[in-house]
Amino acid sequence: MAQRKRRKVVHTSHARTTQPATSKKKRQEKSQSSQRTPQHLKRSSIPFEKDAQILLIGEGDFSFAASLHTSHACINLTATTLLTHEGAVSQHPLAAQHIATLERGDQRVLYEVDAVRLDRRREVRLGRGKWDCIAWNFPHTGGKSTDVNRQVRANQELLVGFFKAALPLLAPQGTVVVTLFVGEPYELWNVRDLARHAGLRVGRSFDFNPALYPGYAHVRTSGKDPAGAWKADERRARSFVFEVEGPRDKEVKAGKRKRGRDHADDDDDDDDYD
């Protein structure tokens, strides 16, 4: 009897050791997965709904549009580029493949679409008031000047023109999504202020995670990629989701302006209205 009890105890003890081993393995896998994903990317999200009417601006090789369609089941895409069809295909080796993927899925591809003159294209103009999301990843004038100040001003003008062109095309609850690299000179553009002057406000922002878009590769719309300079998967970037300002937002802004004037007239008023 004593021997059977000892065997039973040994058997029970052996069975109990298997559970911690499995848990330890899971913890190790979770830890390894956590290490693979940088902390700043863990709160990234995908600001696109599957059945939303989505207008993509400034596509390079159309890999982003293709990923939205094939990996995220977005079924109402219109992907545009400033390039001609011949220019897109000759400049980007994979463009033809991505364009074919989109067209097989009945998604629209448009060429020679100017981001600041969106209403000049009939296909875009017909969607006036119906676009749920208008998105532009990594807008840039293309480095026409080596002077930083001139580049900042040029890109600010580009974004203001884009915001003003996009605003009347949006659905009532539509959004404008702009993704920029983090750091200078991009932070000098003050994208939040530019959007606010056009009648938009930031609803939310988050770090852009290219891994959420399988098959996507960042390329420049024009010109050759300098070695490693424009790799979105190697450089931190952030997406801003802008919403149309409502009556309440305008009232708040008007109130701030009034309080600012009152503050200027009263040297004894120590309130902070920033």
C-alpha atoms as a PDB file:
ATOM      1  CA  MET A   1       0.000   0.000   0.000  1.00  0.00           C
ATOM      2  CA  ALA A   2       2.787   2.367   0.903  1.00  0.00           C
ATOM      3  CA  GLN A   3       4.507   1.717  -2.405  1.00  0.00           C
ATOM      4  CA  ARG A   4       1.334   2.399  -4.411  1.00  0.00           C
ATOM      5  CA  LYS A   5       0.841   5.665  -2.546  1.00  0.00           C
ATOM      6  CA  ARG A   6       4.391   6.705  -3.357  1.00  0.00           C
ATOM      7  CA  ARG A   7       3.881   5.905  -7.034  1.00  0.00           C
ATOM      8  CA  LYS A   8       0.644   7.870  -7.009  1.00  0.00           C
ATOM      9  CA  VAL A   9       2.368  10.817  -5.417  1.00  0.00           C
ATOM     10  CA  VAL A  10       5.151  10.668  -7.995  1.00  0.00           C
ATOM     11  CA  HIS A  11       2.621  10.456 -10.824  1.00  0.00           C
ATOM     12  CA  THR A  12       0.640  13.382  -9.476  1.00  0.00           C
ATOM     13  CA  SER A  13       3.764  15.456  -8.992  1.00  0.00           C
ATOM     14  CA  HIS A  14       4.841  14.760 -12.593  1.00  0.00           C
ATOM     15  CA  ALA A  15       1.435  15.807 -13.923  1.00  0.00           C
ATOM     16  CA  ARG A  16       1.627  19.086 -12.080  1.00  0.00           C
ATOM     17  CA  THR A  17       4.980  19.991 -13.583  1.00  0.00           C
ATOM     18  CA  THR A  18       3.605  19.980 -17.136  1.00  0.00           C
ATOM     19  CA  GLN A  19       1.286  22.955 -16.613  1.00  0.00           C
ATOM     20  CA  PRO A  20       3.922  25.433 -15.461  1.00  0.00           C
ATOM     21  CA  ALA A  21       6.138  24.384 -18.387  1.00  0.00           C
ATOM     22  CA  THR A  22       3.344  25.181 -20.854  1.00  0.00           C
ATOM     23  CA  SER A  23       2.624  28.496 -19.135  1.00  0.00           C
ATOM     24  CA  LYS A  24       6.315  29.352 -19.172  1.00  0.00           C
ATOM     25  CA  LYS A  25       6.472  28.671 -22.901  1.00  0.00           C
ATOM     26  CA  LYS A  26       3.464  30.911 -23.523  1.00  0.00           C
ATOM     27  CA  ARG A  27       5.035  33.661 -21.450  1.00  0.00           C
ATOM     28  CA  GLN A  28       8.243  33.356 -23.443  1.00  0.00           C
ATOM     29  CA  GLU A  29       6.350  33.546 -26.751  1.00  0.00           C
ATOM     30  CA  LYS A  30       4.391  36.555 -25.526  1.00  0.00           C
ATOM     31  CA  SER A  31       7.603  38.219 -24.387  1.00  0.00           C
ATOM     32  CA  GLN A  32       9.286  37.562 -27.741  1.00  0.00           C
ATOM     33  CA  SER A  33       6.245  38.944 -29.585  1.00  0.00           C
ATOM     34  CA  SER A  34       6.290  42.019 -27.368  1.00  0.00           C
ATOM     35  CA  GLN A  35       9.972  42.531 -28.111  1.00  0.00           C
ATOM     36  CA  ARG A  36       9.310  42.358 -31.853  1.00  0.00           C
ATOM     37  CA  THR A  37       6.723  45.172 -31.665  1.00  0.00           C
ATOM     38  CA  PRO A  38       8.151  48.522 -30.530  1.00  0.00           C
ATOM     39  CA  GLN A  39       6.257  50.087 -27.654  1.00  0.00           C
ATOM     40  CA  HIS A  40       5.200  53.153 -29.654  1.00  0.00           C
ATOM     41  CA  LEU A  41       3.488  50.942 -32.275  1.00  0.00           C
ATOM     42  CA  LYS A  42       1.331  48.934 -29.877  1.00  0.00           C
ATOM     43  CA  ARG A  43      -1.435  51.535 -29.933  1.00  0.00           C
ATOM     44  CA  SER A  44      -1.464  51.886 -33.713  1.00  0.00           C
ATOM     45  CA  SER A  45      -4.794  51.420 -35.428  1.00  0.00           C
ATOM     46  CA  ILE A  46      -6.285  51.218 -38.910  1.00  0.00           C
ATOM     47  CA  PRO A  47      -8.481  54.293 -39.577  1.00  0.00           C
ATOM     48  CA  PHE A  48     -10.364  52.718 -42.490  1.00  0.00           C
ATOM     49  CA  GLU A  49     -13.736  50.958 -42.490  1.00  0.00           C
ATOM     50  CA  LYS A  50     -14.324  48.050 -44.864  1.00  0.00           C
ATOM     51  CA  ASP A  51     -17.368  49.524 -46.604  1.00  0.00           C
ATOM     52  CA  ALA A  52     -16.311  53.201 -46.431  1.00  0.00           C
ATOM     53  CA  GLN A  53     -15.857  55.310 -49.548  1.00  0.00           C
ATOM     54  CA  ILE A  54     -12.093  55.871 -49.423  1.00  0.00           C
ATOM     55  CA  LEU A  55     -10.091  58.257 -51.603  1.00  0.00           C
ATOM     56  CA  LEU A  56      -6.315  57.703 -51.490  1.00  0.00           C
ATOM     57  CA  ILE A  57      -4.076  60.559 -52.617  1.00  0.00           C
ATOM     58  CA  GLY A  58      -0.482  60.395 -53.839  1.00  0.00           C
ATOM     59  CA  GLU A  59      -0.100  56.638 -54.208  1.00  0.00           C
ATOM     60  CA  GLY A  60       3.369  55.594 -55.360  1.00  0.00           C
ATOM     61  CA  ASP A  61       3.342  51.955 -56.441  1.00  0.00           C
ATOM     62  CA  PHE A  62      -0.249  51.411 -55.171  1.00  0.00           C
ATOM     63  CA  SER A  63       0.935  48.868 -52.614  1.00  0.00           C
ATOM     64  CA  PHE A  64      -0.933  50.653 -49.813  1.00  0.00           C
ATOM     65  CA  ALA A  65      -4.206  50.592 -51.749  1.00  0.00           C
ATOM     66  CA  ALA A  66      -3.676  46.948 -52.677  1.00  0.00           C
ATOM     67  CA  SER A  67      -3.071  46.060 -49.033  1.00  0.00           C
ATOM     68  CA  LEU A  68      -6.255  47.816 -47.903  1.00  0.00           C
ATOM     69  CA  HIS A  69      -8.213  45.831 -50.463  1.00  0.00           C
ATOM     70  CA  THR A  70      -6.651  42.386 -50.061  1.00  0.00           C
ATOM     71  CA  SER A  71      -5.747  42.387 -46.356  1.00  0.00           C
ATOM     72  CA  HIS A  72      -8.477  44.594 -44.886  1.00  0.00           C
ATOM     73  CA  ALA A  73     -11.353  43.927 -47.300  1.00  0.00           C
ATOM     74  CA  CYS A  74     -11.898  47.591 -48.195  1.00  0.00           C
ATOM     75  CA  ILE A  75     -14.245  47.416 -51.170  1.00  0.00           C
ATOM     76  CA  ASN A  76     -14.843  51.051 -52.150  1.00  0.00           C
ATOM     77  CA  LEU A  77     -11.380  52.347 -52.939  1.00  0.00           C
ATOM     78  CA  THR A  78     -10.341  55.063 -55.348  1.00  0.00           C
ATOM     79  CA  ALA A  79      -6.533  55.188 -55.483  1.00  0.00           C
ATOM     80  CA  THR A  80      -4.911  58.158 -57.202  1.00  0.00           C
ATOM     81  CA  THR A  81      -1.465  59.323 -58.214  1.00  0.00           C
ATOM     82  CA  LEU A  82      -0.040  62.503 -59.707  1.00  0.00           C
ATOM     83  CA  LEU A  83       1.844  60.361 -62.209  1.00  0.00           C
ATOM     84  CA  THR A  84       0.600  59.104 -65.546  1.00  0.00           C
ATOM     85  CA  HIS A  85      -0.004  55.373 -65.901  1.00  0.00           C
ATOM     86  CA  GLU A  86       3.208  55.057 -67.905  1.00  0.00           C
ATOM     87  CA  GLY A  87       5.116  57.065 -65.312  1.00  0.00           C
ATOM     88  CA  ALA A  88       3.867  54.991 -62.385  1.00  0.00           C
ATOM     89  CA  VAL A  89       4.632  51.686 -64.069  1.00  0.00           C
ATOM     90  CA  SER A  90       8.063  52.694 -65.361  1.00  0.00           C
ATOM     91  CA  GLN A  91       9.160  54.283 -62.100  1.00  0.00           C
ATOM     92  CA  HIS A  92       7.880  51.586 -59.732  1.00  0.00           C
ATOM     93  CA  PRO A  93       8.533  47.954 -60.748  1.00  0.00           C
ATOM     94  CA  LEU A  94       5.611  46.557 -58.700  1.00  0.00           C
ATOM     95  CA  ALA A  95       3.069  49.205 -59.650  1.00  0.00           C
ATOM     96  CA  ALA A  96       1.609  47.193 -62.545  1.00  0.00           C
ATOM     97  CA  GLN A  97       1.063  44.201 -60.263  1.00  0.00           C
ATOM     98  CA  HIS A  98      -0.717  46.276 -57.603  1.00  0.00           C
ATOM     99  CA  ILE A  99      -2.817  48.116 -60.165  1.00  0.00           C
ATOM    100  CA  ALA A 100      -3.918  44.792 -61.640  1.00  0.00           C
ATOM    101  CA  THR A 101      -4.878  43.557 -58.158  1.00  0.00           C
ATOM    102  CA  LEU A 102      -7.035  46.621 -57.594  1.00  0.00           C
ATOM    103  CA  GLU A 103      -8.697  46.492 -60.981  1.00  0.00           C
ATOM    104  CA  ARG A 104      -9.486  42.785 -60.648  1.00  0.00           C
ATOM    105  CA  GLY A 105     -11.255  43.667 -57.429  1.00  0.00           C
ATOM    106  CA  ASP A 106     -13.301  46.399 -59.166  1.00  0.00           C
ATOM    107  CA  GLN A 107     -11.419  49.154 -57.357  1.00  0.00           C
ATOM    108  CA  ARG A 108     -10.801  52.420 -59.186  1.00  0.00           C
ATOM    109  CA  VAL A 109      -7.344  53.729 -60.118  1.00  0.00           C
ATOM    110  CA  LEU A 110      -6.929  57.324 -61.324  1.00  0.00           C
ATOM    111  CA  TYR A 111      -3.873  59.043 -62.781  1.00  0.00           C
ATOM    112  CA  GLU A 112      -2.724  62.672 -62.931  1.00  0.00           C
ATOM    113  CA  VAL A 113      -4.781  63.690 -59.896  1.00  0.00           C
ATOM    114  CA  ASP A 114      -3.544  66.895 -58.263  1.00  0.00           C
ATOM    115  CA  ALA A 115      -4.034  66.886 -54.482  1.00  0.00           C
ATOM    116  CA  VAL A 116      -4.817  70.605 -54.368  1.00  0.00           C
ATOM    117  CA  ARG A 117      -7.216  70.505 -57.324  1.00  0.00           C
ATOM    118  CA  LEU A 118      -9.267  67.433 -56.531  1.00  0.00           C
ATOM    119  CA  ASP A 119     -12.504  68.848 -57.906  1.00  0.00           C
ATOM    120  CA  ARG A 120     -11.003  69.067 -61.390  1.00  0.00           C
ATOM    121  CA  ARG A 121     -11.346  65.316 -61.782  1.00  0.00           C
ATOM    122  CA  ARG A 122     -14.887  64.306 -62.649  1.00  0.00           C
ATOM    123  CA  GLU A 123     -14.601  60.931 -60.919  1.00  0.00           C
ATOM    124  CA  VAL A 124     -13.550  62.650 -57.681  1.00  0.00           C
ATOM    125  CA  ARG A 125     -15.973  65.550 -58.014  1.00  0.00           C
ATOM    126  CA  LEU A 126     -18.967  63.223 -58.407  1.00  0.00           C
ATOM    127  CA  GLY A 127     -18.206  61.938 -54.927  1.00  0.00           C
ATOM    128  CA  ARG A 128     -18.654  65.407 -53.413  1.00  0.00           C
ATOM    129  CA  GLY A 129     -20.157  65.058 -49.971  1.00  0.00           C
ATOM    130  CA  LYS A 130     -19.824  61.268 -50.110  1.00  0.00           C
ATOM    131  CA  TRP A 131     -16.204  60.473 -49.302  1.00  0.00           C
ATOM    132  CA  ASP A 132     -15.989  58.874 -45.867  1.00  0.00           C
ATOM    133  CA  CYS A 133     -12.216  59.120 -45.769  1.00  0.00           C
ATOM    134  CA  ILE A 134      -9.613  60.991 -47.830  1.00  0.00           C
ATOM    135  CA  ALA A 135      -6.084  59.856 -46.969  1.00  0.00           C
ATOM    136  CA  TRP A 136      -2.607  60.930 -47.966  1.00  0.00           C
ATOM    137  CA  ASN A 137       0.466  59.083 -46.726  1.00  0.00           C
ATOM    138  CA  PHE A 138       3.687  61.084 -46.534  1.00  0.00           C
ATOM    139  CA  PRO A 139       2.775  64.180 -48.585  1.00  0.00           C
ATOM    140  CA  HIS A 140       5.783  66.097 -49.852  1.00  0.00           C
ATOM    141  CA  THR A 141       6.577  68.563 -52.616  1.00  0.00           C
ATOM    142  CA  GLY A 142       9.471  66.402 -53.745  1.00  0.00           C
ATOM    143  CA  GLY A 143      12.447  68.324 -52.407  1.00  0.00           C
ATOM    144  CA  LYS A 144      12.491  71.068 -55.032  1.00  0.00           C
ATOM    145  CA  SER A 145      14.709  73.210 -52.820  1.00  0.00           C
ATOM    146  CA  THR A 146      17.589  72.394 -50.492  1.00  0.00           C
ATOM    147  CA  ASP A 147      16.703  75.349 -48.264  1.00  0.00           C
ATOM    148  CA  VAL A 148      14.845  74.028 -45.211  1.00  0.00           C
ATOM    149  CA  ASN A 149      12.729  77.150 -44.729  1.00  0.00           C
ATOM    150  CA  ARG A 150      11.622  77.150 -48.348  1.00  0.00           C
ATOM    151  CA  GLN A 151      10.787  73.460 -48.152  1.00  0.00           C
ATOM    152  CA  VAL A 152       8.743  74.007 -44.994  1.00  0.00           C
ATOM    153  CA  ARG A 153       6.757  76.831 -46.593  1.00  0.00           C
ATOM    154  CA  ALA A 154       6.238  74.866 -49.801  1.00  0.00           C
ATOM    155  CA  ASN A 155       4.937  71.815 -47.950  1.00  0.00           C
ATOM    156  CA  GLN A 156       2.722  73.940 -45.733  1.00  0.00           C
ATOM    157  CA  GLU A 157       1.159  75.473 -48.834  1.00  0.00           C
ATOM    158  CA  LEU A 158       0.719  72.004 -50.283  1.00  0.00           C
ATOM    159  CA  LEU A 159      -1.093  70.724 -47.195  1.00  0.00           C
ATOM    160  CA  VAL A 160      -3.307  73.794 -46.851  1.00  0.00           C
ATOM    161  CA  GLY A 161      -4.300  73.433 -50.506  1.00  0.00           C
ATOM    162  CA  PHE A 162      -5.038  69.742 -49.960  1.00  0.00           C
ATOM    163  CA  PHE A 163      -7.134  70.343 -46.842  1.00  0.00           C
ATOM    164  CA  LYS A 164      -9.179  73.024 -48.587  1.00  0.00           C
ATOM    165  CA  ALA A 165      -9.698  70.791 -51.630  1.00  0.00           C
ATOM    166  CA  ALA A 166     -10.685  67.775 -49.514  1.00  0.00           C
ATOM    167  CA  LEU A 167     -13.071  69.508 -47.105  1.00  0.00           C
ATOM    168  CA  PRO A 168     -16.053  70.025 -49.459  1.00  0.00           C
ATOM    169  CA  LEU A 169     -15.767  66.449 -50.726  1.00  0.00           C
ATOM    170  CA  LEU A 170     -16.233  64.844 -47.307  1.00  0.00           C
ATOM    171  CA  ALA A 171     -19.353  63.075 -46.089  1.00  0.00           C
ATOM    172  CA  PRO A 172     -20.976  64.650 -42.981  1.00  0.00           C
ATOM    173  CA  GLN A 173     -18.923  62.449 -40.641  1.00  0.00           C
ATOM    174  CA  GLY A 174     -15.979  62.090 -43.018  1.00  0.00           C
ATOM    175  CA  THR A 175     -12.319  62.240 -42.034  1.00  0.00           C
ATOM    176  CA  VAL A 176      -9.031  63.287 -43.573  1.00  0.00           C
ATOM    177  CA  VAL A 177      -6.026  61.118 -42.662  1.00  0.00           C
ATOM    178  CA  VAL A 178      -2.496  62.447 -43.115  1.00  0.00           C
ATOM    179  CA  THR A 179       0.626  60.459 -42.202  1.00  0.00           C
ATOM    180  CA  LEU A 180       3.958  62.210 -41.690  1.00  0.00           C
ATOM    181  CA  PHE A 181       7.385  61.234 -40.456  1.00  0.00           C
ATOM    182  CA  VAL A 182       8.186  62.228 -36.876  1.00  0.00           C
ATOM    183  CA  GLY A 183      10.901  64.827 -36.280  1.00  0.00           C
ATOM    184  CA  GLU A 184      12.265  67.715 -38.278  1.00  0.00           C
ATOM    185  CA  PRO A 185      11.566  69.111 -40.771  1.00  0.00           C
ATOM    186  CA  TYR A 186       8.078  67.566 -40.671  1.00  0.00           C
ATOM    187  CA  GLU A 187       7.195  68.848 -37.222  1.00  0.00           C
ATOM    188  CA  LEU A 188       8.004  72.359 -38.446  1.00  0.00           C
ATOM    189  CA  TRP A 189       5.047  72.079 -40.807  1.00  0.00           C
ATOM    190  CA  ASN A 190       2.613  72.365 -37.856  1.00  0.00           C
ATOM    191  CA  VAL A 191       0.074  70.134 -39.573  1.00  0.00           C
ATOM    192  CA  ARG A 192      -2.487  70.564 -36.783  1.00  0.00           C
ATOM    193  CA  ASP A 193      -2.571  74.332 -37.229  1.00  0.00           C
ATOM    194  CA  LEU A 194      -2.708  74.054 -41.008  1.00  0.00           C
ATOM    195  CA  ALA A 195      -5.750  71.789 -40.779  1.00  0.00           C
ATOM    196  CA  ARG A 196      -7.425  74.056 -38.230  1.00  0.00           C
ATOM    197  CA  HIS A 197      -7.147  77.041 -40.553  1.00  0.00           C
ATOM    198  CA  ALA A 198      -8.898  74.977 -43.227  1.00  0.00           C
ATOM    199  CA  GLY A 199     -11.790  74.062 -40.921  1.00  0.00           C
ATOM    200  CA  LEU A 200     -10.573  70.697 -39.628  1.00  0.00           C
ATOM    201  CA  ARG A 201      -9.557  69.538 -36.164  1.00  0.00           C
ATOM    202  CA  VAL A 202      -7.561  66.555 -34.932  1.00  0.00           C
ATOM    203  CA  GLY A 203      -9.870  63.797 -33.747  1.00  0.00           C
ATOM    204  CA  ARG A 204      -7.013  61.468 -32.820  1.00  0.00           C
ATOM    205  CA  SER A 205      -3.476  60.570 -33.783  1.00  0.00           C
ATOM    206  CA  PHE A 206      -1.298  57.484 -33.416  1.00  0.00           C
ATOM    207  CA  ASP A 207       1.972  56.013 -34.599  1.00  0.00           C
ATOM    208  CA  PHE A 208       1.834  54.580 -38.091  1.00  0.00           C
ATOM    209  CA  ASN A 209       2.694  50.883 -38.176  1.00  0.00           C
ATOM    210  CA  PRO A 210       3.501  49.680 -41.729  1.00  0.00           C
ATOM    211  CA  ALA A 211       3.351  46.060 -40.520  1.00  0.00           C
ATOM    212  CA  LEU A 212      -0.437  46.428 -40.298  1.00  0.00           C
ATOM    213  CA  TYR A 213      -0.517  46.660 -44.097  1.00  0.00           C
ATOM    214  CA  PRO A 214       0.969  43.428 -45.544  1.00  0.00           C
ATOM    215  CA  GLY A 215       2.683  44.013 -48.869  1.00  0.00           C
ATOM    216  CA  TYR A 216       2.935  47.768 -48.372  1.00  0.00           C
ATOM    217  CA  ALA A 217       6.259  49.431 -49.145  1.00  0.00           C
ATOM    218  CA  HIS A 218       6.838  53.160 -48.933  1.00  0.00           C
ATOM    219  CA  VAL A 219       8.176  54.726 -52.131  1.00  0.00           C
ATOM    220  CA  ARG A 220       8.480  58.265 -53.365  1.00  0.00           C
ATOM    221  CA  THR A 221       5.921  59.446 -55.889  1.00  0.00           C
ATOM    222  CA  SER A 222       8.608  61.145 -57.957  1.00  0.00           C
ATOM    223  CA  GLY A 223      12.325  60.693 -58.269  1.00  0.00           C
ATOM    224  CA  LYS A 224      14.571  57.860 -57.166  1.00  0.00           C
ATOM    225  CA  ASP A 225      14.713  56.790 -53.539  1.00  0.00           C
ATOM    226  CA  PRO A 226      17.967  57.952 -51.948  1.00  0.00           C
ATOM    227  CA  ALA A 227      19.564  55.074 -50.068  1.00  0.00           C
ATOM    228  CA  GLY A 228      17.393  54.378 -47.041  1.00  0.00           C
ATOM    229  CA  ALA A 229      16.159  57.951 -46.725  1.00  0.00           C
ATOM    230  CA  TRP A 230      12.476  57.284 -47.279  1.00  0.00           C
ATOM    231  CA  LYS A 231      11.927  53.898 -45.654  1.00  0.00           C
ATOM    232  CA  ALA A 232       8.735  54.140 -43.584  1.00  0.00           C
ATOM    233  CA  ASP A 233       9.488  50.845 -41.843  1.00  0.00           C
ATOM    234  CA  GLU A 234      12.807  52.230 -40.598  1.00  0.00           C
ATOM    235  CA  ARG A 235      11.636  55.661 -39.514  1.00  0.00           C
ATOM    236  CA  ARG A 236       8.956  56.574 -37.011  1.00  0.00           C
ATOM    237  CA  ALA A 237       5.815  58.134 -38.489  1.00  0.00           C
ATOM    238  CA  ARG A 238       2.487  59.347 -37.150  1.00  0.00           C
ATOM    239  CA  SER A 239      -1.042  59.407 -38.586  1.00  0.00           C
ATOM    240  CA  PHE A 240      -3.435  62.275 -37.875  1.00  0.00           C
ATOM    241  CA  VAL A 241      -7.166  61.746 -38.266  1.00  0.00           C
ATOM    242  CA  PHE A 242      -8.845  65.101 -38.921  1.00  0.00           C
ATOM    243  CA  GLU A 243     -12.556  65.759 -38.533  1.00  0.00           C
ATOM    244  CA  VAL A 244     -14.729  68.597 -39.788  1.00  0.00           C
ATOM    245  CA  GLU A 245     -15.124  71.340 -37.218  1.00  0.00           C
ATOM    246  CA  GLY A 246     -18.658  71.562 -35.853  1.00  0.00           C
ATOM    247  CA  PRO A 247     -20.594  74.584 -34.548  1.00  0.00           C
ATOM    248  CA  ARG A 248     -19.342  73.897 -31.034  1.00  0.00           C
ATOM    249  CA  ASP A 249     -15.711  74.018 -32.175  1.00  0.00           C
ATOM    250  CA  LYS A 250     -16.299  77.392 -33.829  1.00  0.00           C
ATOM    251  CA  GLU A 251     -17.971  78.735 -30.678  1.00  0.00           C
ATOM    252  CA  VAL A 252     -14.977  77.672 -28.599  1.00  0.00           C
ATOM    253  CA  LYS A 253     -12.566  79.347 -31.015  1.00  0.00           C
ATOM    254  CA  ALA A 254     -14.643  82.533 -31.039  1.00  0.00           C
ATOM    255  CA  GLY A 255     -14.723  82.488 -27.229  1.00  0.00           C
ATOM    256  CA  LYS A 256     -10.961  82.123 -27.038  1.00  0.00           C
ATOM    257  CA  ARG A 257     -10.479  85.079 -29.390  1.00  0.00           C
ATOM    258  CA  LYS A 258     -12.841  87.208 -27.281  1.00  0.00           C
ATOM    259  CA  ARG A 259     -11.120  86.247 -24.050  1.00  0.00           C
ATOM    260  CA  GLY A 260      -7.797  87.015 -25.658  1.00  0.00           C
ATOM    261  CA  ARG A 261      -8.949  90.534 -26.492  1.00  0.00           C
ATOM    262  CA  ASP A 262     -10.304  91.008 -22.967  1.00  0.00           C
ATOM    263  CA  HIS A 263      -7.014  89.786 -21.555  1.00  0.00           C
ATOM    264  CA  ALA A 264      -5.082  92.277 -23.680  1.00  0.00           C
ATOM    265  CA  ASP A 265      -7.292  95.132 -22.391  1.00  0.00           C
ATOM    266  CA  ASP A 266      -6.919  94.150 -18.720  1.00  0.00           C
ATOM    267  CA  ASP A 267      -3.381  94.170 -17.368  1.00  0.00           C
ATOM    268  CA  ASP A 268      -4.601  92.869 -13.987  1.00  0.00           C
ATOM    269  CA  ASP A 269      -6.159  89.707 -15.424  1.00  0.00           C
ATOM    270  CA  ASP A 270      -3.828  86.797 -14.689  1.00  0.00           C
ATOM    271  CA  ASP A 271      -5.950  84.033 -16.249  1.00  0.00           C
ATOM    272  CA  ASP A 272      -4.278  81.790 -18.822  1.00  0.00           C
ATOM    273  CA  TYR A 273      -6.354  81.368 -21.942  1.00  0.00           C
ATOM    274  CA  ASP A 274      -3.970  79.154 -23.904  1.00  0.00           C
END
